[in-house]
Protein backbone atom coordinates (compact mmCIF):
# COMPACT_ATOMS: atom_id res chain seq x y z
CA MET A 1 -2.37 9.33 -11.49
CA ARG A 2 -1.05 11.51 -14.25
CA ILE A 3 1.56 10.93 -16.96
CA VAL A 4 4.51 13.21 -17.66
CA TYR A 5 6.69 12.64 -20.70
CA THR A 6 10.29 13.74 -20.14
CA ASP A 7 12.25 15.69 -22.74
CA GLN A 8 14.46 12.61 -23.10
CA SER A 9 11.46 10.44 -24.00
CA PHE A 10 10.43 12.80 -26.80
CA GLU A 11 14.02 13.06 -28.04
CA SER A 12 14.35 9.28 -28.26
CA LEU A 13 10.99 9.02 -30.02
CA ASP A 14 12.11 11.66 -32.55
CA GLU A 15 15.49 9.96 -33.08
CA THR A 16 13.81 6.63 -33.65
CA SER A 17 11.33 8.15 -36.09
CA GLN A 18 14.17 9.77 -38.03
CA PHE A 19 16.08 6.47 -38.14
CA LEU A 20 13.03 4.57 -39.39
CA LEU A 21 12.45 7.16 -42.09
CA GLU A 22 16.04 7.63 -43.29
CA LYS A 23 17.73 4.28 -42.69
CA GLN A 24 14.85 1.82 -42.81
CA GLY A 25 12.94 3.55 -45.60
CA MET A 26 9.69 3.33 -43.67
CA THR A 27 6.81 5.49 -44.84
CA LEU A 28 5.79 8.51 -42.82
CA GLU A 29 2.33 7.00 -42.37
CA LYS A 30 3.79 3.83 -40.81
CA ILE A 31 6.06 5.86 -38.53
CA LEU A 32 3.09 7.93 -37.34
CA GLU A 33 1.18 4.70 -36.70
CA ILE A 34 4.04 3.35 -34.56
CA ARG A 35 4.31 6.64 -32.62
CA THR A 36 0.57 6.66 -31.97
CA LYS A 37 0.66 3.06 -30.68
CA LEU A 38 3.57 3.86 -28.36
CA LEU A 39 1.94 6.99 -26.95
CA ASP A 40 -1.44 5.28 -26.55
CA ARG A 41 0.19 2.38 -24.71
CA ALA A 42 2.06 4.78 -22.42
CA ASP A 43 -1.14 6.75 -21.75
CA GLY A 44 -2.75 3.46 -20.70
CA LEU A 45 -0.43 3.33 -17.69
CA VAL A 46 -2.89 5.59 -15.87
CA SER A 47 -5.20 2.59 -15.51
CA TYR A 48 -2.57 0.10 -14.37
CA PRO A 49 0.74 1.83 -13.53
CA LYS A 50 2.49 -1.21 -12.13
CA GLY A 51 1.66 -3.34 -15.17
CA GLY A 52 5.18 -3.18 -16.54
CA GLN A 53 8.10 -5.31 -15.45
CA ARG A 54 11.12 -3.86 -13.68
CA GLU A 55 13.84 -2.75 -16.09
CA GLU A 56 17.03 -4.55 -15.09
CA TYR A 57 19.31 -2.38 -17.24
CA LEU A 58 18.41 0.66 -15.13
CA GLU A 59 18.50 -0.92 -11.67
CA HIS A 60 21.80 0.87 -10.94
CA LEU A 61 19.86 4.17 -10.82
CA ASN A 62 17.69 2.91 -7.92
CA LYS A 63 14.56 4.66 -9.24
CA ASN A 64 12.51 1.51 -9.85
CA HIS A 65 12.23 1.95 -13.61
CA ARG A 66 9.70 -0.28 -15.32
CA ARG A 67 9.06 -1.19 -18.92
CA LEU A 68 6.21 -2.02 -21.24
CA ILE A 69 6.87 -3.75 -24.55
CA GLU A 70 5.16 -2.52 -27.70
CA GLY A 71 6.43 -4.05 -30.92
CA HIS A 72 10.20 -3.53 -31.06
CA PHE A 73 10.12 -0.91 -28.32
CA LYS A 74 10.42 -0.66 -24.58
CA ILE A 75 8.45 2.14 -22.99
CA ILE A 76 10.57 3.02 -19.96
CA TYR A 77 8.90 4.71 -17.00
CA ARG A 78 9.03 5.24 -13.27
CA ILE A 79 6.40 6.08 -10.69
CA GLU A 80 6.78 8.82 -8.09
CA GLU A 81 3.81 9.31 -5.79
CA LYS A 82 0.88 10.07 -8.12
CA THR A 83 2.93 10.74 -11.25
CA ILE A 84 4.15 8.35 -13.93
CA TYR A 85 7.25 9.65 -15.70
CA VAL A 86 7.82 8.18 -19.15
CA THR A 87 11.56 8.52 -19.57
CA ASP A 88 12.41 6.67 -22.78
CA PHE A 89 11.14 4.87 -25.86
CA PHE A 90 13.93 2.37 -26.51
CA ASP A 91 14.19 0.36 -29.72
CA THR A 92 15.03 -3.17 -28.58
CA ARG A 93 17.03 -3.85 -31.75
CA GLN A 94 19.79 -1.69 -30.24
CA ASN A 95 22.44 -2.90 -27.85
CA PRO A 96 20.71 -2.87 -24.42
CA GLU A 97 23.88 -1.50 -22.83
CA LYS A 98 23.13 1.77 -24.67
CA MET A 99 20.14 2.22 -22.35
CA LYS A 100 22.44 2.64 -19.36
CA GLY A 101 23.77 5.87 -20.81
């Protein structure tokens, strides 16, 4: 298995980091710690790819999206053959309907 991070996943991670810095007043060090935890947790999917639960807010896409929870975040991913695609880092303090796009 290998992990591929989509452009969307990096965009959402950057947007969240910017929000935490500007609106929440979080320190850059703390933001980097959160990002590292999220990426490490996602990288861990190689060992147990089906460890996450199905993501009900994305069922309408019929791509079997799954999620892992890390702190206030959902790591959204899907599995296709021998590749795990991480598609989003979603802050669970947002309206979950926003995830549907």
